[in-house]
């Protein structure tokens, strides 16, 4: 076997393993809350302009407003978008890990 193929095999193997280790470390940092997940989905603040329904003082309109406010406190939009960001990060990390394993596999084949 040629020496340059062995060197290329080792380099590919080390590069593939380093990609996998980077993806694992980055994911650990994000899920351990040591680093912030990339924000693909962001919450946009809306200006609240009272509508005619909100200005009315009927008991039904007041109950609807109270229900909406309570719902916002139970399920804030930030949590939903953070969940989407974590899912997108997990998918991205899965693709990176798969690519790293393919590169490492190619390096192993060159070593044989």
PDB file of N, CA and C in Angstrom:
ATOM      1  N   UNK A   1       0.838  -1.176   0.000  1.00  0.00           N
ATOM      2  CA  UNK A   1       0.000   0.000   0.000  1.00  0.00           C
ATOM      3  C   UNK A   1       0.883   1.239   0.000  1.00  0.00           C
ATOM      4  N   UNK A   2       0.420   2.227  -0.704  1.00  0.00           N
ATOM      5  CA  UNK A   2       1.194   3.453  -0.791  1.00  0.00           C
ATOM      6  C   UNK A   2       1.079   4.250   0.498  1.00  0.00           C
ATOM      7  N   UNK A   3       2.184   4.889   0.826  1.00  0.00           N
ATOM      8  CA  UNK A   3       2.243   5.636   2.079  1.00  0.00           C
ATOM      9  C   UNK A   3       1.329   6.854   2.051  1.00  0.00           C
ATOM     10  N   UNK A   4       1.187   7.502   0.893  1.00  0.00           N
ATOM     11  CA  UNK A   4       0.337   8.697   0.825  1.00  0.00           C
ATOM     12  C   UNK A   4      -1.143   8.347   1.018  1.00  0.00           C
ATOM     13  N   UNK A   5      -1.558   7.113   0.623  1.00  0.00           N
ATOM     14  CA  UNK A   5      -2.937   6.693   0.880  1.00  0.00           C
ATOM     15  C   UNK A   5      -3.173   6.454   2.373  1.00  0.00           C
ATOM     16  N   UNK A   6      -2.163   5.918   3.051  1.00  0.00           N
ATOM     17  CA  UNK A   6      -2.302   5.715   4.507  1.00  0.00           C
ATOM     18  C   UNK A   6      -2.401   7.052   5.230  1.00  0.00           C
ATOM     19  N   UNK A   7      -1.596   8.009   4.815  1.00  0.00           N
ATOM     20  CA  UNK A   7      -1.632   9.329   5.444  1.00  0.00           C
ATOM     21  C   UNK A   7      -2.993   9.985   5.190  1.00  0.00           C
ATOM     22  N   UNK A   8      -3.487   9.880   3.965  1.00  0.00           N
ATOM     23  CA  UNK A   8      -4.797  10.450   3.645  1.00  0.00           C
ATOM     24  C   UNK A   8      -5.896   9.742   4.435  1.00  0.00           C
ATOM     25  N   UNK A   9      -5.768   8.430   4.599  1.00  0.00           N
ATOM     26  CA  UNK A   9      -6.738   7.678   5.384  1.00  0.00           C
ATOM     27  C   UNK A   9      -6.776   8.138   6.832  1.00  0.00           C
ATOM     28  N   UNK A  10      -5.609   8.309   7.428  1.00  0.00           N
ATOM     29  CA  UNK A  10      -5.548   8.778   8.813  1.00  0.00           C
ATOM     30  C   UNK A  10      -6.098  10.195   8.948  1.00  0.00           C
ATOM     31  N   UNK A  11      -5.767  11.056   7.981  1.00  0.00           N
ATOM     32  CA  UNK A  11      -6.276  12.422   8.036  1.00  0.00           C
ATOM     33  C   UNK A  11      -7.804  12.453   7.928  1.00  0.00           C
ATOM     34  N   UNK A  12      -8.349  11.659   7.008  1.00  0.00           N
ATOM     35  CA  UNK A  12      -9.807  11.609   6.874  1.00  0.00           C
ATOM     36  C   UNK A  12     -10.467  11.031   8.126  1.00  0.00           C
ATOM     37  N   UNK A  13      -9.850  10.004   8.686  1.00  0.00           N
ATOM     38  CA  UNK A  13     -10.397   9.405   9.907  1.00  0.00           C
ATOM     39  C   UNK A  13     -10.401  10.414  11.055  1.00  0.00           C
ATOM     40  N   UNK A  14      -9.293  11.105  11.252  1.00  0.00           N
ATOM     41  CA  UNK A  14      -9.209  12.099  12.317  1.00  0.00           C
ATOM     42  C   UNK A  14     -10.150  13.275  12.071  1.00  0.00           C
ATOM     43  N   UNK A  15     -10.275  13.696  10.826  1.00  0.00           N
ATOM     44  CA  UNK A  15     -11.181  14.799  10.493  1.00  0.00           C
ATOM     45  C   UNK A  15     -12.633  14.408  10.753  1.00  0.00           C
ATOM     46  N   UNK A  16     -13.022  13.201  10.356  1.00  0.00           N
ATOM     47  CA  UNK A  16     -14.387  12.736  10.584  1.00  0.00           C
ATOM     48  C   UNK A  16     -14.712  12.609  12.063  1.00  0.00           C
ATOM     49  N   UNK A  17     -13.788  12.062  12.833  1.00  0.00           N
ATOM     50  CA  UNK A  17     -14.008  11.920  14.274  1.00  0.00           C
ATOM     51  C   UNK A  17     -14.056  13.292  14.942  1.00  0.00           C
ATOM     52  N   UNK A  18     -13.213  14.228  14.494  1.00  0.00           N
ATOM     53  CA  UNK A  18     -13.241  15.567  15.095  1.00  0.00           C
ATOM     54  C   UNK A  18     -14.554  16.289  14.789  1.00  0.00           C
ATOM     55  N   UNK A  19     -15.126  16.082  13.617  1.00  0.00           N
ATOM     56  CA  UNK A  19     -16.428  16.667  13.294  1.00  0.00           C
ATOM     57  C   UNK A  19     -17.498  16.108  14.226  1.00  0.00           C
ATOM     58  N   UNK A  20     -17.473  14.812  14.441  1.00  0.00           N
ATOM     59  CA  UNK A  20     -18.453  14.179  15.319  1.00  0.00           C
ATOM     60  C   UNK A  20     -18.291  14.683  16.751  1.00  0.00           C
ATOM     61  N   UNK A  21     -17.058  14.780  17.227  1.00  0.00           N
ATOM     62  CA  UNK A  21     -16.824  15.265  18.586  1.00  0.00           C
ATOM     63  C   UNK A  21     -17.241  16.726  18.750  1.00  0.00           C
ATOM     64  N   UNK A  22     -17.006  17.550  17.731  1.00  0.00           N
ATOM     65  CA  UNK A  22     -17.439  18.946  17.789  1.00  0.00           C
ATOM     66  C   UNK A  22     -18.955  19.043  17.883  1.00  0.00           C
ATOM     67  N   UNK A  23     -19.657  18.235  17.082  1.00  0.00           N
ATOM     68  CA  UNK A  23     -21.121  18.256  17.104  1.00  0.00           C
ATOM     69  C   UNK A  23     -21.646  17.811  18.465  1.00  0.00           C
ATOM     70  N   UNK A  24     -21.035  16.791  19.039  1.00  0.00           N
ATOM     71  CA  UNK A  24     -21.471  16.314  20.355  1.00  0.00           C
ATOM     72  C   UNK A  24     -21.201  17.361  21.442  1.00  0.00           C
ATOM     73  N   UNK A  25     -20.034  17.972  21.411  1.00  0.00           N
ATOM     74  CA  UNK A  25     -19.703  18.978  22.418  1.00  0.00           C
ATOM     75  C   UNK A  25     -20.614  20.206  22.295  1.00  0.00           C
ATOM     76  N   UNK A  26     -20.872  20.637  21.067  1.00  0.00           N
ATOM     77  CA  UNK A  26     -21.754  21.783  20.866  1.00  0.00           C
ATOM     78  C   UNK A  26     -23.163  21.487  21.350  1.00  0.00           C
ATOM     79  N   UNK A  27     -23.650  20.293  21.065  1.00  0.00           N
ATOM     80  CA  UNK A  27     -24.986  19.917  21.522  1.00  0.00           C
ATOM     81  C   UNK A  27     -25.037  19.841  23.039  1.00  0.00           C
ATOM     82  N   UNK A  28     -23.999  19.290  23.640  1.00  0.00           N
ATOM     83  CA  UNK A  28     -23.959  19.236  25.106  1.00  0.00           C
ATOM     84  C   UNK A  28     -23.986  20.637  25.697  1.00  0.00           C
ATOM     85  N   UNK A  29     -23.217  21.541  25.113  1.00  0.00           N
ATOM     86  CA  UNK A  29     -23.170  22.910  25.623  1.00  0.00           C
ATOM     87  C   UNK A  29     -24.531  23.591  25.520  1.00  0.00           C
ATOM     88  N   UNK A  30     -25.229  23.349  24.436  1.00  0.00           N
ATOM     89  CA  UNK A  30     -26.540  23.972  24.249  1.00  0.00           C
ATOM     90  C   UNK A  30     -27.559  23.369  25.205  1.00  0.00           C
ATOM     91  N   UNK A  31     -27.599  22.061  25.315  1.00  0.00           N
ATOM     92  CA  UNK A  31     -28.609  21.423  26.152  1.00  0.00           C
ATOM     93  C   UNK A  31     -28.294  21.554  27.642  1.00  0.00           C
ATOM     94  N   UNK A  32     -27.037  21.818  27.993  1.00  0.00           N
ATOM     95  CA  UNK A  32     -26.681  22.068  29.383  1.00  0.00           C
ATOM     96  C   UNK A  32     -26.808  23.552  29.717  1.00  0.00           C
ATOM     97  N   UNK A  33     -27.274  24.334  28.762  1.00  0.00           N
ATOM     98  CA  UNK A  33     -27.513  25.768  28.903  1.00  0.00           C
ATOM     99  C   UNK A  33     -26.227  26.542  29.161  1.00  0.00           C
ATOM    100  N   UNK A  34     -25.111  26.044  28.624  1.00  0.00           N
ATOM    101  CA  UNK A  34     -23.844  26.758  28.717  1.00  0.00           C
ATOM    102  C   UNK A  34     -23.645  27.659  27.497  1.00  0.00           C
ATOM    103  N   UNK A  35     -24.330  27.326  26.414  1.00  0.00           N
ATOM    104  CA  UNK A  35     -24.273  28.133  25.202  1.00  0.00           C
ATOM    105  C   UNK A  35     -25.697  28.304  24.690  1.00  0.00           C
ATOM    106  N   UNK A  36     -25.884  29.302  23.882  1.00  0.00           N
ATOM    107  CA  UNK A  36     -27.216  29.582  23.353  1.00  0.00           C
ATOM    108  C   UNK A  36     -27.380  28.911  21.987  1.00  0.00           C
ATOM    109  N   UNK A  37     -28.539  28.348  21.769  1.00  0.00           N
ATOM    110  CA  UNK A  37     -28.818  27.702  20.484  1.00  0.00           C
ATOM    111  C   UNK A  37     -28.932  28.770  19.400  1.00  0.00           C
ATOM    112  N   UNK A  38     -28.516  28.439  18.191  1.00  0.00           N
ATOM    113  CA  UNK A  38     -28.677  29.402  17.101  1.00  0.00           C
ATOM    114  C   UNK A  38     -30.159  29.729  16.904  1.00  0.00           C
ATOM    115  N   UNK A  39     -30.458  30.986  16.714  1.00  0.00           N
ATOM    116  CA  UNK A  39     -31.846  31.405  16.563  1.00  0.00           C
ATOM    117  C   UNK A  39     -32.222  31.450  15.098  1.00  0.00           C
ATOM    118  N   UNK A  40     -32.882  30.417  14.656  1.00  0.00           N
ATOM    119  CA  UNK A  40     -33.410  30.374  13.301  1.00  0.00           C
ATOM    120  C   UNK A  40     -34.810  30.965  13.293  1.00  0.00           C
ATOM    121  N   UNK A  41     -35.568  30.612  14.319  1.00  0.00           N
ATOM    122  CA  UNK A  41     -36.916  31.138  14.489  1.00  0.00           C
ATOM    123  C   UNK A  41     -36.870  32.172  15.601  1.00  0.00           C
ATOM    124  N   UNK A  42     -37.385  33.368  15.334  1.00  0.00           N
ATOM    125  CA  UNK A  42     -37.336  34.450  16.314  1.00  0.00           C
ATOM    126  C   UNK A  42     -38.740  34.949  16.616  1.00  0.00           C
ATOM    127  N   UNK A  43     -38.891  35.452  17.831  1.00  0.00           N
ATOM    128  CA  UNK A  43     -40.158  36.045  18.249  1.00  0.00           C
ATOM    129  C   UNK A  43     -40.132  37.515  17.874  1.00  0.00           C
ATOM    130  N   UNK A  44     -41.163  37.946  17.185  1.00  0.00           N
ATOM    131  CA  UNK A  44     -41.270  39.357  16.842  1.00  0.00           C
ATOM    132  C   UNK A  44     -42.293  40.002  17.762  1.00  0.00           C
ATOM    133  N   UNK A  45     -41.901  41.100  18.356  1.00  0.00           N
ATOM    134  CA  UNK A  45     -42.808  41.823  19.248  1.00  0.00           C
ATOM    135  C   UNK A  45     -43.810  42.607  18.411  1.00  0.00           C
ATOM    136  N   UNK A  46     -45.052  42.536  18.823  1.00  0.00           N
ATOM    137  CA  UNK A  46     -46.108  43.272  18.135  1.00  0.00           C
ATOM    138  C   UNK A  46     -46.552  44.426  19.018  1.00  0.00           C
ATOM    139  N   UNK A  47     -46.851  45.537  18.376  1.00  0.00           N
ATOM    140  CA  UNK A  47     -47.425  46.647  19.118  1.00  0.00           C
ATOM    141  C   UNK A  47     -48.894  46.348  19.346  1.00  0.00           C
ATOM    142  N   UNK A  48     -49.328  46.566  20.552  1.00  0.00           N
ATOM    143  CA  UNK A  48     -50.722  46.301  20.883  1.00  0.00           C
ATOM    144  C   UNK A  48     -51.545  47.559  20.634  1.00  0.00           C
ATOM    145  N   UNK A  49     -52.431  47.454  19.674  1.00  0.00           N
ATOM    146  CA  UNK A  49     -53.351  48.536  19.383  1.00  0.00           C
ATOM    147  C   UNK A  49     -54.736  48.044  19.784  1.00  0.00           C
ATOM    148  N   UNK A  50     -55.371  48.713  20.698  1.00  0.00           N
ATOM    149  CA  UNK A  50     -56.680  48.232  21.128  1.00  0.00           C
ATOM    150  C   UNK A  50     -57.703  48.345  20.003  1.00  0.00           C
ATOM    151  N   UNK A  51     -58.428  47.265  19.807  1.00  0.00           N
ATOM    152  CA  UNK A  51     -59.484  47.257  18.799  1.00  0.00           C
ATOM    153  C   UNK A  51     -60.795  47.630  19.458  1.00  0.00           C
ATOM    154  N   UNK A  52     -61.816  47.723  18.650  1.00  0.00           N
ATOM    155  CA  UNK A  52     -63.122  48.088  19.202  1.00  0.00           C
ATOM    156  C   UNK A  52     -63.634  46.999  20.134  1.00  0.00           C
ATOM    157  N   UNK A  53     -63.272  45.734  19.867  1.00  0.00           N
ATOM    158  CA  UNK A  53     -63.680  44.647  20.767  1.00  0.00           C
ATOM    159  C   UNK A  53     -63.010  44.796  22.125  1.00  0.00           C
ATOM    160  N   UNK A  54     -61.759  45.219  22.132  1.00  0.00           N
ATOM    161  CA  UNK A  54     -61.040  45.360  23.390  1.00  0.00           C
ATOM    162  C   UNK A  54     -61.513  46.579  24.173  1.00  0.00           C
ATOM    163  N   UNK A  55     -62.001  47.574  23.461  1.00  0.00           N
ATOM    164  CA  UNK A  55     -62.471  48.768  24.137  1.00  0.00           C
ATOM    165  C   UNK A  55     -63.869  48.577  24.730  1.00  0.00           C
ATOM    166  N   UNK A  56     -64.574  47.594  24.224  1.00  0.00           N
ATOM    167  CA  UNK A  56     -65.915  47.371  24.763  1.00  0.00           C
ATOM    168  C   UNK A  56     -65.823  46.795  26.164  1.00  0.00           C
ATOM    169  N   UNK A  57     -66.814  47.057  26.943  1.00  0.00           N
ATOM    170  CA  UNK A  57     -66.803  46.612  28.334  1.00  0.00           C
ATOM    171  C   UNK A  57     -67.813  45.507  28.580  1.00  0.00           C
ATOM    172  N   UNK A  58     -68.210  44.809  27.540  1.00  0.00           N
ATOM    173  CA  UNK A  58     -69.154  43.716  27.743  1.00  0.00           C
ATOM    174  C   UNK A  58     -68.466  42.600  28.520  1.00  0.00           C
ATOM    175  N   UNK A  59     -69.215  41.869  29.318  1.00  0.00           N
ATOM    176  CA  UNK A  59     -68.607  40.781  30.098  1.00  0.00           C
ATOM    177  C   UNK A  59     -67.947  39.714  29.226  1.00  0.00           C
ATOM    178  N   UNK A  60     -68.515  39.448  28.065  1.00  0.00           N
ATOM    179  CA  UNK A  60     -67.927  38.435  27.183  1.00  0.00           C
ATOM    180  C   UNK A  60     -66.568  38.907  26.663  1.00  0.00           C
ATOM    181  N   UNK A  61     -66.448  40.163  26.265  1.00  0.00           N
ATOM    182  CA  UNK A  61     -65.175  40.688  25.765  1.00  0.00           C
ATOM    183  C   UNK A  61     -64.131  40.700  26.874  1.00  0.00           C
ATOM    184  N   UNK A  62     -64.538  41.041  28.082  1.00  0.00           N
ATOM    185  CA  UNK A  62     -63.605  41.036  29.203  1.00  0.00           C
ATOM    186  C   UNK A  62     -63.120  39.619  29.511  1.00  0.00           C
ATOM    187  N   UNK A  63     -64.021  38.642  29.445  1.00  0.00           N
ATOM    188  CA  UNK A  63     -63.637  37.250  29.683  1.00  0.00           C
ATOM    189  C   UNK A  63     -62.678  36.751  28.601  1.00  0.00           C
ATOM    190  N   UNK A  64     -62.933  37.130  27.365  1.00  0.00           N
ATOM    191  CA  UNK A  64     -62.035  36.718  26.271  1.00  0.00           C
ATOM    192  C   UNK A  64     -60.641  37.306  26.464  1.00  0.00           C
ATOM    193  N   UNK A  65     -60.561  38.579  26.856  1.00  0.00           N
ATOM    194  CA  UNK A  65     -59.259  39.210  27.103  1.00  0.00           C
ATOM    195  C   UNK A  65     -58.535  38.524  28.255  1.00  0.00           C
ATOM    196  N   UNK A  66     -59.253  38.234  29.308  1.00  0.00           N
ATOM    197  CA  UNK A  66     -58.633  37.566  30.457  1.00  0.00           C
ATOM    198  C   UNK A  66     -58.140  36.178  30.066  1.00  0.00           C
ATOM    199  N   UNK A  67     -58.925  35.469  29.274  1.00  0.00           N
ATOM    200  CA  UNK A  67     -58.517  34.138  28.825  1.00  0.00           C
ATOM    201  C   UNK A  67     -57.265  34.208  27.964  1.00  0.00           C
ATOM    202  N   UNK A  68     -57.218  35.188  27.064  1.00  0.00           N
ATOM    203  CA  UNK A  68     -56.038  35.347  26.208  1.00  0.00           C
ATOM    204  C   UNK A  68     -54.795  35.678  27.029  1.00  0.00           C
ATOM    205  N   UNK A  69     -54.926  36.534  28.010  1.00  0.00           N
ATOM    206  CA  UNK A  69     -53.789  36.884  28.850  1.00  0.00           C
ATOM    207  C   UNK A  69     -53.311  35.688  29.675  1.00  0.00           C
ATOM    208  N   UNK A  70     -54.234  34.917  30.191  1.00  0.00           N
ATOM    209  CA  UNK A  70     -53.860  33.727  30.956  1.00  0.00           C
ATOM    210  C   UNK A  70     -53.184  32.693  30.068  1.00  0.00           C
ATOM    211  N   UNK A  71     -53.678  32.567  28.851  1.00  0.00           N
ATOM    212  CA  UNK A  71     -53.072  31.623  27.911  1.00  0.00           C
ATOM    213  C   UNK A  71     -51.651  32.041  27.563  1.00  0.00           C
ATOM    214  N   UNK A  72     -51.424  33.343  27.426  1.00  0.00           N
ATOM    215  CA  UNK A  72     -50.071  33.834  27.136  1.00  0.00           C
ATOM    216  C   UNK A  72     -49.117  33.576  28.299  1.00  0.00           C
ATOM    217  N   UNK A  73     -49.629  33.628  29.522  1.00  0.00           N
ATOM    218  CA  UNK A  73     -48.747  33.362  30.653  1.00  0.00           C
ATOM    219  C   UNK A  73     -48.454  31.873  30.799  1.00  0.00           C
ATOM    220  N   UNK A  74     -49.408  31.019  30.407  1.00  0.00           N
ATOM    221  CA  UNK A  74     -49.164  29.577  30.485  1.00  0.00           C
ATOM    222  C   UNK A  74     -48.243  29.085  29.373  1.00  0.00           C
ATOM    223  N   UNK A  75     -48.468  29.571  28.156  1.00  0.00           N
ATOM    224  CA  UNK A  75     -47.686  29.152  26.992  1.00  0.00           C
ATOM    225  C   UNK A  75     -47.125  30.379  26.284  1.00  0.00           C
ATOM    226  N   UNK A  76     -46.037  30.945  26.794  1.00  0.00           N
ATOM    227  CA  UNK A  76     -45.465  32.117  26.115  1.00  0.00           C
ATOM    228  C   UNK A  76     -44.876  31.722  24.759  1.00  0.00           C
ATOM    229  N   UNK A  77     -44.959  32.608  23.793  1.00  0.00           N
ATOM    230  CA  UNK A  77     -44.450  32.292  22.449  1.00  0.00           C
ATOM    231  C   UNK A  77     -42.955  31.991  22.435  1.00  0.00           C
ATOM    232  N   UNK A  78     -42.201  32.535  23.398  1.00  0.00           N
ATOM    233  CA  UNK A  78     -40.751  32.307  23.413  1.00  0.00           C
ATOM    234  C   UNK A  78     -40.423  30.826  23.588  1.00  0.00           C
ATOM    235  N   UNK A  79     -41.220  30.132  24.380  1.00  0.00           N
ATOM    236  CA  UNK A  79     -40.959  28.705  24.610  1.00  0.00           C
ATOM    237  C   UNK A  79     -41.174  27.915  23.323  1.00  0.00           C
ATOM    238  N   UNK A  80     -42.210  28.240  22.581  1.00  0.00           N
ATOM    239  CA  UNK A  80     -42.488  27.550  21.319  1.00  0.00           C
ATOM    240  C   UNK A  80     -41.340  27.747  20.338  1.00  0.00           C
ATOM    241  N   UNK A  81     -40.847  28.981  20.219  1.00  0.00           N
ATOM    242  CA  UNK A  81     -39.760  29.244  19.282  1.00  0.00           C
ATOM    243  C   UNK A  81     -38.440  28.639  19.758  1.00  0.00           C
ATOM    244  N   UNK A  82     -38.226  28.586  21.060  1.00  0.00           N
ATOM    245  CA  UNK A  82     -37.017  27.926  21.568  1.00  0.00           C
ATOM    246  C   UNK A  82     -37.057  26.441  21.248  1.00  0.00           C
ATOM    247  N   UNK A  83     -38.233  25.838  21.385  1.00  0.00           N
ATOM    248  CA  UNK A  83     -38.403  24.423  21.041  1.00  0.00           C
ATOM    249  C   UNK A  83     -38.111  24.192  19.564  1.00  0.00           C
ATOM    250  N   UNK A  84     -38.607  25.070  18.691  1.00  0.00           N
ATOM    251  CA  UNK A  84     -38.320  24.945  17.252  1.00  0.00           C
ATOM    252  C   UNK A  84     -36.826  25.101  16.971  1.00  0.00           C
ATOM    253  N   UNK A  85     -36.167  26.022  17.671  1.00  0.00           N
ATOM    254  CA  UNK A  85     -34.721  26.200  17.482  1.00  0.00           C
ATOM    255  C   UNK A  85     -33.947  24.968  17.926  1.00  0.00           C
ATOM    256  N   UNK A  86     -34.364  24.341  19.028  1.00  0.00           N
ATOM    257  CA  UNK A  86     -33.678  23.129  19.486  1.00  0.00           C
ATOM    258  C   UNK A  86     -33.901  21.968  18.520  1.00  0.00           C
ATOM    259  N   UNK A  87     -35.097  21.873  17.972  1.00  0.00           N
ATOM    260  CA  UNK A  87     -35.359  20.816  16.983  1.00  0.00           C
ATOM    261  C   UNK A  87     -34.505  21.032  15.742  1.00  0.00           C
ATOM    262  N   UNK A  88     -34.428  22.275  15.269  1.00  0.00           N
ATOM    263  CA  UNK A  88     -33.619  22.533  14.068  1.00  0.00           C
ATOM    264  C   UNK A  88     -32.141  22.278  14.349  1.00  0.00           C
ATOM    265  N   UNK A  89     -31.676  22.603  15.558  1.00  0.00           N
ATOM    266  CA  UNK A  89     -30.280  22.316  15.906  1.00  0.00           C
ATOM    267  C   UNK A  89     -30.036  20.810  15.939  1.00  0.00           C
ATOM    268  N   UNK A  90     -30.992  20.055  16.471  1.00  0.00           N
ATOM    269  CA  UNK A  90     -30.836  18.601  16.540  1.00  0.00           C
ATOM    270  C   UNK A  90     -30.761  18.001  15.138  1.00  0.00           C
ATOM    271  N   UNK A  91     -31.594  18.493  14.226  1.00  0.00           N
ATOM    272  CA  UNK A  91     -31.555  17.995  12.845  1.00  0.00           C
ATOM    273  C   UNK A  91     -30.214  18.342  12.193  1.00  0.00           C
ATOM    274  N   UNK A  92     -29.747  19.575  12.390  1.00  0.00           N
ATOM    275  CA  UNK A  92     -28.463  19.988  11.827  1.00  0.00           C
ATOM    276  C   UNK A  92     -27.313  19.154  12.385  1.00  0.00           C
ATOM    277  N   UNK A  93     -27.333  18.913  13.693  1.00  0.00           N
ATOM    278  CA  UNK A  93     -26.283  18.104  14.313  1.00  0.00           C
ATOM    279  C   UNK A  93     -26.315  16.675  13.803  1.00  0.00           C
ATOM    280  N   UNK A  94     -27.506  16.149  13.579  1.00  0.00           N
ATOM    281  CA  UNK A  94     -27.621  14.803  13.015  1.00  0.00           C
ATOM    282  C   UNK A  94     -26.991  14.719  11.633  1.00  0.00           C
ATOM    283  N   UNK A  95     -27.231  15.745  10.806  1.00  0.00           N
ATOM    284  CA  UNK A  95     -26.634  15.751   9.461  1.00  0.00           C
ATOM    285  C   UNK A  95     -25.116  15.878   9.537  1.00  0.00           C
ATOM    286  N   UNK A  96     -24.625  16.737  10.441  1.00  0.00           N
ATOM    287  CA  UNK A  96     -23.174  16.901  10.602  1.00  0.00           C
ATOM    288  C   UNK A  96     -22.535  15.602  11.086  1.00  0.00           C
ATOM    289  N   UNK A  97     -23.181  14.941  12.049  1.00  0.00           N
ATOM    290  CA  UNK A  97     -22.651  13.685  12.570  1.00  0.00           C
ATOM    291  C   UNK A  97     -22.632  12.613  11.485  1.00  0.00           C
ATOM    292  N   UNK A  98     -23.685  12.560  10.681  1.00  0.00           N
ATOM    293  CA  UNK A  98     -23.718  11.589   9.587  1.00  0.00           C
ATOM    294  C   UNK A  98     -22.595  11.869   8.593  1.00  0.00           C
ATOM    295  N   UNK A  99     -22.384  13.146   8.253  1.00  0.00           N
ATOM    296  CA  UNK A  99     -21.298  13.497   7.338  1.00  0.00           C
ATOM    297  C   UNK A  99     -19.939  13.143   7.911  1.00  0.00           C
ATOM    298  N   UNK A 100     -19.742  13.391   9.208  1.00  0.00           N
ATOM    299  CA  UNK A 100     -18.475  13.042   9.848  1.00  0.00           C
ATOM    300  C   UNK A 100     -18.237  11.543   9.848  1.00  0.00           C
ATOM    301  N   UNK A 101     -19.303  10.772  10.046  1.00  0.00           N
ATOM    302  CA  UNK A 101     -19.136   9.317  10.037  1.00  0.00           C
ATOM    303  C   UNK A 101     -18.811   8.818   8.631  1.00  0.00           C
ATOM    304  N   UNK A 102     -19.376   9.456   7.616  1.00  0.00           N
ATOM    305  CA  UNK A 102     -19.051   9.054   6.244  1.00  0.00           C
ATOM    306  C   UNK A 102     -17.600   9.380   5.905  1.00  0.00           C
ATOM    307  N   UNK A 103     -17.112  10.521   6.368  1.00  0.00           N
ATOM    308  CA  UNK A 103     -15.715  10.889   6.129  1.00  0.00           C
ATOM    309  C   UNK A 103     -14.790   9.921   6.868  1.00  0.00           C
ATOM    310  N   UNK A 104     -15.138   9.580   8.114  1.00  0.00           N
ATOM    311  CA  UNK A 104     -14.315   8.648   8.878  1.00  0.00           C
ATOM    312  C   UNK A 104     -14.325   7.261   8.229  1.00  0.00           C
ATOM    313  N   UNK A 105     -15.483   6.844   7.705  1.00  0.00           N
ATOM    314  CA  UNK A 105     -15.578   5.553   7.027  1.00  0.00           C
ATOM    315  C   UNK A 105     -14.698   5.523   5.776  1.00  0.00           C
ATOM    316  N   UNK A 106     -14.672   6.614   5.059  1.00  0.00           N
ATOM    317  CA  UNK A 106     -13.807   6.702   3.875  1.00  0.00           C
ATOM    318  C   UNK A 106     -12.337   6.594   4.292  1.00  0.00           C
ATOM    319  N   UNK A 107     -11.974   7.238   5.400  1.00  0.00           N
ATOM    320  CA  UNK A 107     -10.595   7.128   5.903  1.00  0.00           C
ATOM    321  C   UNK A 107     -10.258   5.712   6.300  1.00  0.00           C
ATOM    322  N   UNK A 108     -11.196   4.995   6.929  1.00  0.00           N
ATOM    323  CA  UNK A 108     -10.958   3.597   7.318  1.00  0.00           C
ATOM    324  C   UNK A 108     -10.775   2.725   6.095  1.00  0.00           C
ATOM    325  N   UNK A 109     -11.557   2.980   5.060  1.00  0.00           N
ATOM    326  CA  UNK A 109     -11.412   2.193   3.821  1.00  0.00           C
ATOM    327  C   UNK A 109     -10.047   2.424   3.175  1.00  0.00           C
ATOM    328  N   UNK A 110      -9.560   3.666   3.269  1.00  0.00           N
ATOM    329  CA  UNK A 110      -8.225   3.933   2.697  1.00  0.00           C
ATOM    330  C   UNK A 110      -7.122   3.265   3.526  1.00  0.00           C
ATOM    331  N   UNK A 111      -7.351   3.050   4.810  1.00  0.00           N
ATOM    332  CA  UNK A 111      -6.336   2.413   5.648  1.00  0.00           C
ATOM    333  C   UNK A 111      -6.263   0.904   5.400  1.00  0.00           C
ATOM    334  N   UNK A 112      -7.331   0.311   4.914  1.00  0.00           N
ATOM    335  CA  UNK A 112      -7.322  -1.150   4.684  1.00  0.00           C
ATOM    336  C   UNK A 112      -6.643  -1.520   3.403  1.00  0.00           C
TER     337      UNK A 112
END
